[in-house]
Amino acid sequence: MVLAVWVVLWAGVWGAANAVWTQQRPPDDARRRGALETIKLPGGARVEFKSFSSPSLGQDRPYSVFLPPSYDTDKTRKYPVVYFLHGLNNDHTSWTVERYGRLHEKLEAMVKKGTIPEIIMVHPKDDNSFYTNTADGKRPYEDFIVKDLVQHVETTYRVKKGREYRAIGGTSMGGYGALKVAMRHPDLYATVVGHSPIVFPQESPFGAADEVKDSSRFYGYFRNLLIRIYGDPINREHWEANNLLVLATQRRQGFNKLKIYFDYGTADRYNGTIQLGAGCQKLHRILDEQKVPHVFKEHANEPHGWELVSSHFAESVPFLCQTFGK
């Protein structure tokens, strides 16, 4: 009898708590788009939602692609490409939603004003992998980005090939991913932008997780993500090969030609947990010490992720396009 009453009471408490949480939680389409029909923009551009088979991952991978206004009217024209990587728990549709500023519309507006040349922009879907191959080799997400995705785009769409016509950017996890991919492969990309990049100032990625252990309910979740990539105990060699603070000192072939831009906001929610701001500042200092030209911005009282992207899209996209010409 007592057990039955306890179960009923617990169910009531849980139900009430869940109802409150559900009310506070944004609907799914606040962070990602539900319907995947083509978005036709007023200036003639469009966003399509597609997928292709990734040899590296052995599965179909979704992506969205922005095609500029003249893509259908000038069948002989080829276009440079910007690859843009989303953050944790977002996907390839997030950049098109109201919550994050409907960036596809801002992109078309820049094209129509002549602020940037006509470009193709590609947003691949990730699985919270930090765009990094796992230490055990079973989930090669970096290979998916630098090999499979580029090959698919350059054989499916009319694009200009070559490093000077290829750029990569991203936000949060994707900001880290973009910087890391470009630093590891400066022969593939001419420019890189990292908004709110997750840069770990500690010597170990688990150090970042340990910082949030007592202050964040996401500790276990965050640590488990890193274990899937780097192993437990950490595979030190694999971590060093993907650590931005190490990559900044390695100066791979073509690194001096790579144009680098990254920024963060002083009101970023991760500054007080995993010390994102401290990580960005440390990366800036190392690049300065290495005499690597770059643009680093600290935005007073600005937040994390897509909100920061939306506020500075008009700055970062032209930066990404600077080697594309007219």
Protein backbone atom coordinates (compact mmCIF):
# COMPACT_ATOMS: atom_id res chain seq x y z
CA MET A 1 0.00 0.00 0.00
CA VAL A 2 2.75 2.40 1.00
CA LEU A 3 4.70 1.49 -2.13
CA ALA A 4 1.66 2.13 -4.30
CA VAL A 5 1.11 5.55 -2.74
CA TRP A 6 4.79 6.39 -3.19
CA VAL A 7 4.67 5.41 -6.86
CA VAL A 8 1.59 7.56 -7.45
CA LEU A 9 3.17 10.54 -5.68
CA TRP A 10 6.44 10.13 -7.58
CA ALA A 11 4.58 9.87 -10.88
CA GLY A 12 2.76 13.08 -10.07
CA VAL A 13 5.94 14.94 -9.17
CA TRP A 14 7.75 13.62 -12.25
CA GLY A 15 4.82 14.47 -14.48
CA ALA A 16 4.64 18.01 -13.16
CA ALA A 17 8.39 18.51 -13.50
CA ASN A 18 8.37 17.09 -17.00
CA ALA A 19 5.48 19.35 -17.97
CA VAL A 20 7.39 22.42 -16.76
CA TRP A 21 10.53 21.29 -18.59
CA THR A 22 8.54 20.65 -21.76
CA GLN A 23 7.01 24.13 -21.58
CA GLN A 24 10.43 25.71 -21.13
CA ARG A 25 12.10 23.63 -23.83
CA PRO A 26 11.97 25.25 -27.25
CA PRO A 27 10.07 23.31 -29.93
CA ASP A 28 12.18 21.19 -32.25
CA ASP A 29 11.89 23.65 -35.12
CA ALA A 30 13.37 26.39 -32.91
CA ARG A 31 16.77 24.70 -33.24
CA ARG A 32 16.32 22.84 -36.50
CA ARG A 33 13.95 22.79 -39.42
CA GLY A 34 11.29 20.08 -39.57
CA ALA A 35 10.04 20.34 -43.15
CA LEU A 36 12.81 19.84 -45.70
CA GLU A 37 11.27 21.18 -48.86
CA THR A 38 13.43 23.53 -50.94
CA ILE A 39 13.50 27.12 -49.67
CA LYS A 40 13.10 29.53 -52.59
CA LEU A 41 14.37 32.99 -51.76
CA PRO A 42 12.96 36.23 -53.26
CA GLY A 43 16.21 37.16 -55.01
CA GLY A 44 16.39 33.89 -56.96
CA ALA A 45 18.66 31.88 -54.65
CA ARG A 46 17.50 28.70 -52.95
CA VAL A 47 18.42 26.26 -50.20
CA GLU A 48 18.09 22.54 -50.90
CA PHE A 49 18.23 19.69 -48.39
CA LYS A 50 20.07 16.67 -49.75
CA SER A 51 22.07 13.61 -48.71
CA PHE A 52 24.83 11.48 -50.19
CA SER A 53 26.62 8.26 -49.38
CA SER A 54 29.82 8.81 -47.39
CA PRO A 55 32.46 6.15 -48.10
CA SER A 56 34.35 7.05 -44.92
CA LEU A 57 31.34 6.66 -42.61
CA GLY A 58 29.57 3.98 -44.61
CA GLN A 59 26.20 5.72 -44.45
CA ASP A 60 24.12 8.46 -46.05
CA ARG A 61 24.88 11.92 -44.70
CA PRO A 62 22.43 14.86 -44.97
CA TYR A 63 23.49 18.39 -45.86
CA SER A 64 21.94 21.64 -47.00
CA VAL A 65 23.22 23.69 -49.90
CA PHE A 66 22.69 27.35 -50.78
CA LEU A 67 22.65 27.87 -54.56
CA PRO A 68 23.06 31.48 -55.74
CA PRO A 69 20.58 33.41 -57.93
CA SER A 70 22.34 32.79 -61.25
CA TYR A 71 22.88 29.05 -60.72
CA ASP A 72 19.95 28.08 -62.94
CA THR A 73 20.15 30.93 -65.43
CA ASP A 74 23.86 30.73 -66.28
CA LYS A 75 24.60 27.06 -66.88
CA THR A 76 28.24 27.69 -67.79
CA ARG A 77 29.16 29.55 -64.64
CA LYS A 78 31.11 27.93 -61.80
CA TYR A 79 31.16 29.07 -58.18
CA PRO A 80 33.47 29.09 -55.15
CA VAL A 81 32.32 27.14 -52.09
CA VAL A 82 32.04 27.93 -48.38
CA TYR A 83 31.60 24.96 -46.05
CA PHE A 84 29.96 25.85 -42.73
CA LEU A 85 29.88 23.56 -39.67
CA HIS A 86 27.13 23.65 -37.03
CA GLY A 87 27.45 23.27 -33.26
CA LEU A 88 26.48 20.68 -30.67
CA ASN A 89 22.91 19.38 -30.90
CA ASN A 90 22.20 21.37 -34.07
CA ASP A 91 22.17 20.11 -37.63
CA HIS A 92 22.42 21.12 -41.29
CA THR A 93 19.09 22.97 -41.13
CA SER A 94 19.74 25.11 -38.05
CA TRP A 95 21.16 28.06 -39.95
CA THR A 96 17.81 28.56 -41.72
CA VAL A 97 15.53 28.82 -38.65
CA GLU A 98 14.05 31.92 -37.04
CA ARG A 99 15.80 31.32 -33.71
CA TYR A 100 19.23 31.72 -35.31
CA GLY A 101 18.46 34.64 -37.58
CA ARG A 102 17.46 32.98 -40.88
CA LEU A 103 21.01 33.27 -42.11
CA HIS A 104 20.18 32.03 -45.61
CA GLU A 105 18.22 35.24 -46.16
CA LYS A 106 21.13 37.34 -44.92
CA LEU A 107 23.42 35.44 -47.25
CA GLU A 108 21.26 36.17 -50.29
CA ALA A 109 21.03 39.84 -49.29
CA MET A 110 24.84 40.08 -49.25
CA VAL A 111 25.00 38.50 -52.70
CA LYS A 112 22.37 40.85 -54.10
CA LYS A 113 24.14 43.91 -52.65
CA GLY A 114 27.45 42.79 -54.13
CA THR A 115 29.04 42.55 -50.68
CA ILE A 116 30.21 39.06 -51.62
CA PRO A 117 30.39 37.24 -54.96
CA GLU A 118 27.86 34.58 -55.81
CA ILE A 119 28.85 31.49 -53.87
CA ILE A 120 27.66 28.02 -52.98
CA MET A 121 27.42 27.41 -49.23
CA VAL A 122 27.24 23.87 -47.83
CA HIS A 123 26.17 22.86 -44.31
CA PRO A 124 26.82 19.16 -43.52
CA LYS A 125 25.07 17.32 -40.69
CA ASP A 126 27.31 16.11 -37.90
CA ASP A 127 26.74 13.73 -34.98
CA ASN A 128 28.37 15.76 -32.17
CA SER A 129 31.72 14.36 -33.28
CA PHE A 130 33.69 17.63 -33.10
CA TYR A 131 34.40 16.90 -36.78
CA THR A 132 37.22 14.64 -35.63
CA ASN A 133 38.18 11.06 -36.46
CA THR A 134 37.80 8.83 -33.42
CA ALA A 135 40.99 7.36 -31.94
CA ASP A 136 39.81 3.81 -32.70
CA GLY A 137 39.34 4.70 -36.38
CA LYS A 138 35.73 3.53 -36.45
CA ARG A 139 34.10 6.93 -37.00
CA PRO A 140 36.28 9.08 -39.29
CA TYR A 141 34.28 12.31 -39.24
CA GLU A 142 37.17 14.52 -40.32
CA ASP A 143 37.69 12.31 -43.36
CA PHE A 144 33.99 12.74 -44.13
CA ILE A 145 34.45 16.54 -44.18
CA VAL A 146 37.77 16.89 -46.02
CA LYS A 147 37.43 13.96 -48.42
CA ASP A 148 33.88 12.75 -48.99
CA LEU A 149 32.02 16.05 -48.73
CA VAL A 150 34.43 18.01 -50.90
CA GLN A 151 34.48 15.29 -53.54
CA HIS A 152 30.68 15.06 -53.56
CA VAL A 153 30.20 18.81 -53.86
CA GLU A 154 32.81 19.19 -56.59
CA THR A 155 31.32 16.38 -58.68
CA THR A 156 27.66 17.28 -58.10
CA TYR A 157 27.62 21.07 -58.44
CA ARG A 158 29.30 23.52 -60.79
CA VAL A 159 32.11 24.71 -58.56
CA LYS A 160 35.52 26.23 -59.01
CA LYS A 161 38.13 23.78 -57.83
CA GLY A 162 41.31 24.62 -55.98
CA ARG A 163 42.30 25.93 -52.58
CA GLU A 164 41.67 29.60 -53.39
CA TYR A 165 38.00 28.81 -54.12
CA ARG A 166 37.40 26.82 -50.94
CA ALA A 167 36.70 28.22 -47.46
CA ILE A 168 35.44 26.74 -44.20
CA GLY A 169 33.69 28.25 -41.20
CA GLY A 170 31.64 27.16 -38.23
CA THR A 171 30.23 27.92 -34.82
CA SER A 172 30.81 26.44 -31.35
CA MET A 173 31.78 22.79 -31.91
CA GLY A 174 31.77 23.71 -35.61
CA GLY A 175 34.00 26.72 -34.91
CA TYR A 176 36.51 24.34 -33.38
CA GLY A 177 35.98 21.93 -36.26
CA ALA A 178 36.55 24.58 -38.92
CA LEU A 179 39.73 25.91 -37.32
CA LYS A 180 41.05 22.41 -36.69
CA VAL A 181 40.30 21.12 -40.20
CA ALA A 182 41.83 24.21 -41.84
CA MET A 183 44.95 24.10 -39.65
CA ARG A 184 45.44 20.42 -40.38
CA HIS A 185 44.73 20.87 -44.11
CA PRO A 186 45.84 24.39 -45.09
CA ASP A 187 46.47 23.04 -48.58
CA LEU A 188 42.69 22.57 -49.01
CA TYR A 189 41.22 25.84 -47.68
CA ALA A 190 42.20 29.46 -48.25
CA THR A 191 40.27 31.00 -45.35
CA VAL A 192 38.71 29.88 -42.08
CA VAL A 193 36.30 31.44 -39.59
CA GLY A 194 35.55 30.10 -36.12
CA HIS A 195 32.70 31.75 -34.21
CA SER A 196 32.58 30.85 -30.49
CA PRO A 197 35.04 28.00 -31.14
CA ILE A 198 35.34 25.46 -28.35
CA VAL A 199 39.05 25.83 -27.59
CA PHE A 200 40.25 23.90 -24.55
CA PRO A 201 42.90 25.88 -22.63
CA GLN A 202 43.80 22.81 -20.54
CA GLU A 203 46.43 20.24 -21.49
CA SER A 204 43.75 17.58 -21.84
CA PRO A 205 40.23 17.75 -23.29
CA PHE A 206 39.09 15.92 -20.14
CA GLY A 207 40.47 18.85 -18.19
CA ALA A 208 37.68 20.90 -19.71
CA ALA A 209 35.13 18.29 -18.64
CA ASP A 210 36.58 18.24 -15.13
CA GLU A 211 36.12 22.01 -14.90
CA VAL A 212 32.34 21.62 -15.31
CA LYS A 213 31.98 18.57 -13.05
CA ASP A 214 30.61 20.42 -10.06
CA SER A 215 28.90 23.27 -11.89
CA SER A 216 27.11 21.74 -14.86
CA ARG A 217 24.53 18.99 -15.30
CA PHE A 218 26.11 18.33 -18.68
CA TYR A 219 29.33 17.01 -17.19
CA GLY A 220 28.64 13.35 -17.94
CA TYR A 221 27.27 14.13 -21.38
CA PHE A 222 30.22 16.32 -22.30
CA ARG A 223 32.80 13.87 -20.98
CA ASN A 224 31.17 10.97 -22.85
CA LEU A 225 31.41 12.90 -26.11
CA LEU A 226 35.14 13.35 -25.59
CA ILE A 227 35.68 9.71 -24.58
CA ARG A 228 34.11 8.60 -27.86
CA ILE A 229 36.71 10.65 -29.73
CA TYR A 230 39.88 10.38 -27.67
CA GLY A 231 39.38 7.20 -25.65
CA ASP A 232 39.53 6.64 -21.90
CA PRO A 233 42.26 6.91 -20.82
CA ILE A 234 42.95 9.60 -23.38
CA ASN A 235 44.97 8.70 -26.44
CA ARG A 236 47.55 11.43 -26.02
CA GLU A 237 48.91 11.25 -29.57
CA HIS A 238 45.43 11.55 -31.05
CA TRP A 239 44.59 14.49 -28.80
CA GLU A 240 47.77 16.36 -29.69
CA ALA A 241 47.04 15.82 -33.39
CA ASN A 242 43.69 17.61 -32.97
CA ASN A 243 44.54 20.23 -30.35
CA LEU A 244 44.25 23.75 -31.77
CA LEU A 245 46.92 25.07 -29.40
CA VAL A 246 49.38 22.51 -30.76
CA LEU A 247 48.33 22.86 -34.39
CA ALA A 248 48.95 26.61 -34.16
CA THR A 249 52.67 25.90 -33.65
CA GLN A 250 53.15 23.28 -36.34
CA ARG A 251 53.05 25.50 -39.43
CA ARG A 252 52.14 22.82 -41.97
CA GLN A 253 52.74 23.42 -45.66
CA GLY A 254 50.49 26.26 -46.77
CA PHE A 255 49.77 27.38 -43.19
CA ASN A 256 51.28 30.84 -43.71
CA LYS A 257 48.81 31.41 -46.55
CA LEU A 258 45.78 30.44 -44.46
CA LYS A 259 43.63 33.44 -43.54
CA ILE A 260 42.28 32.98 -40.01
CA TYR A 261 39.43 34.72 -38.18
CA PHE A 262 37.92 33.74 -34.84
CA ASP A 263 35.89 35.45 -32.15
CA TYR A 264 33.84 34.93 -29.01
CA GLY A 265 31.54 36.89 -26.72
CA THR A 266 32.29 37.83 -23.13
CA ALA A 267 28.76 36.67 -22.21
CA ASP A 268 29.33 33.21 -23.71
CA ARG A 269 27.71 30.59 -21.46
CA TYR A 270 30.80 28.37 -21.76
CA ASN A 271 33.26 30.97 -20.46
CA GLY A 272 32.57 30.05 -16.86
CA THR A 273 32.49 26.29 -17.36
CA ILE A 274 34.93 24.96 -19.94
CA GLN A 275 36.70 28.34 -20.13
CA LEU A 276 36.02 28.90 -23.81
CA GLY A 277 37.08 32.54 -23.64
CA ALA A 278 40.38 31.65 -21.98
CA GLY A 279 40.96 29.06 -24.69
CA CYS A 280 40.36 31.59 -27.46
CA GLN A 281 42.68 34.10 -25.81
CA LYS A 282 45.37 31.45 -25.47
CA LEU A 283 45.07 30.51 -29.14
CA HIS A 284 45.38 34.19 -30.04
CA ARG A 285 48.56 34.53 -27.94
CA ILE A 286 50.14 31.46 -29.51
CA LEU A 287 49.40 32.65 -33.04
CA ASP A 288 50.89 36.03 -32.14
CA GLU A 289 54.00 34.36 -30.71
CA GLN A 290 54.30 32.30 -33.89
CA LYS A 291 53.87 35.50 -35.93
CA VAL A 292 50.88 34.00 -37.75
CA PRO A 293 48.63 36.73 -39.18
CA HIS A 294 45.04 36.37 -37.98
CA VAL A 295 41.97 38.29 -36.89
CA PHE A 296 40.79 37.78 -33.31
CA LYS A 297 37.80 39.61 -31.82
CA GLU A 298 36.34 39.66 -28.33
CA HIS A 299 32.77 40.98 -28.36
CA ALA A 300 31.65 42.62 -25.13
CA ASN A 301 28.45 41.19 -23.61
CA GLU A 302 27.68 38.98 -26.61
CA PRO A 303 26.47 35.36 -26.35
CA HIS A 304 27.49 31.97 -27.72
CA GLY A 305 26.97 30.19 -31.01
CA TRP A 306 24.47 31.04 -33.71
CA GLU A 307 23.41 34.24 -31.97
CA LEU A 308 27.00 35.49 -32.27
CA VAL A 309 27.15 34.30 -35.88
CA SER A 310 23.97 36.18 -36.72
CA SER A 311 25.35 39.42 -35.27
CA HIS A 312 28.63 39.15 -37.21
CA PHE A 313 27.64 37.26 -40.36
CA ALA A 314 28.14 40.44 -42.40
CA GLU A 315 31.78 40.49 -41.25
CA SER A 316 32.73 36.83 -41.35
CA VAL A 317 31.23 35.81 -44.69
CA PRO A 318 33.13 38.51 -46.66
CA PHE A 319 36.25 37.36 -44.80
CA LEU A 320 35.61 33.81 -46.01
CA CYS A 321 35.11 35.06 -49.56
CA GLN A 322 38.18 37.28 -49.82
CA THR A 323 40.16 34.96 -52.13
CA PHE A 324 37.23 34.25 -54.47
CA GLY A 325 37.50 37.32 -56.67
CA LYS A 326 34.46 38.91 -58.32
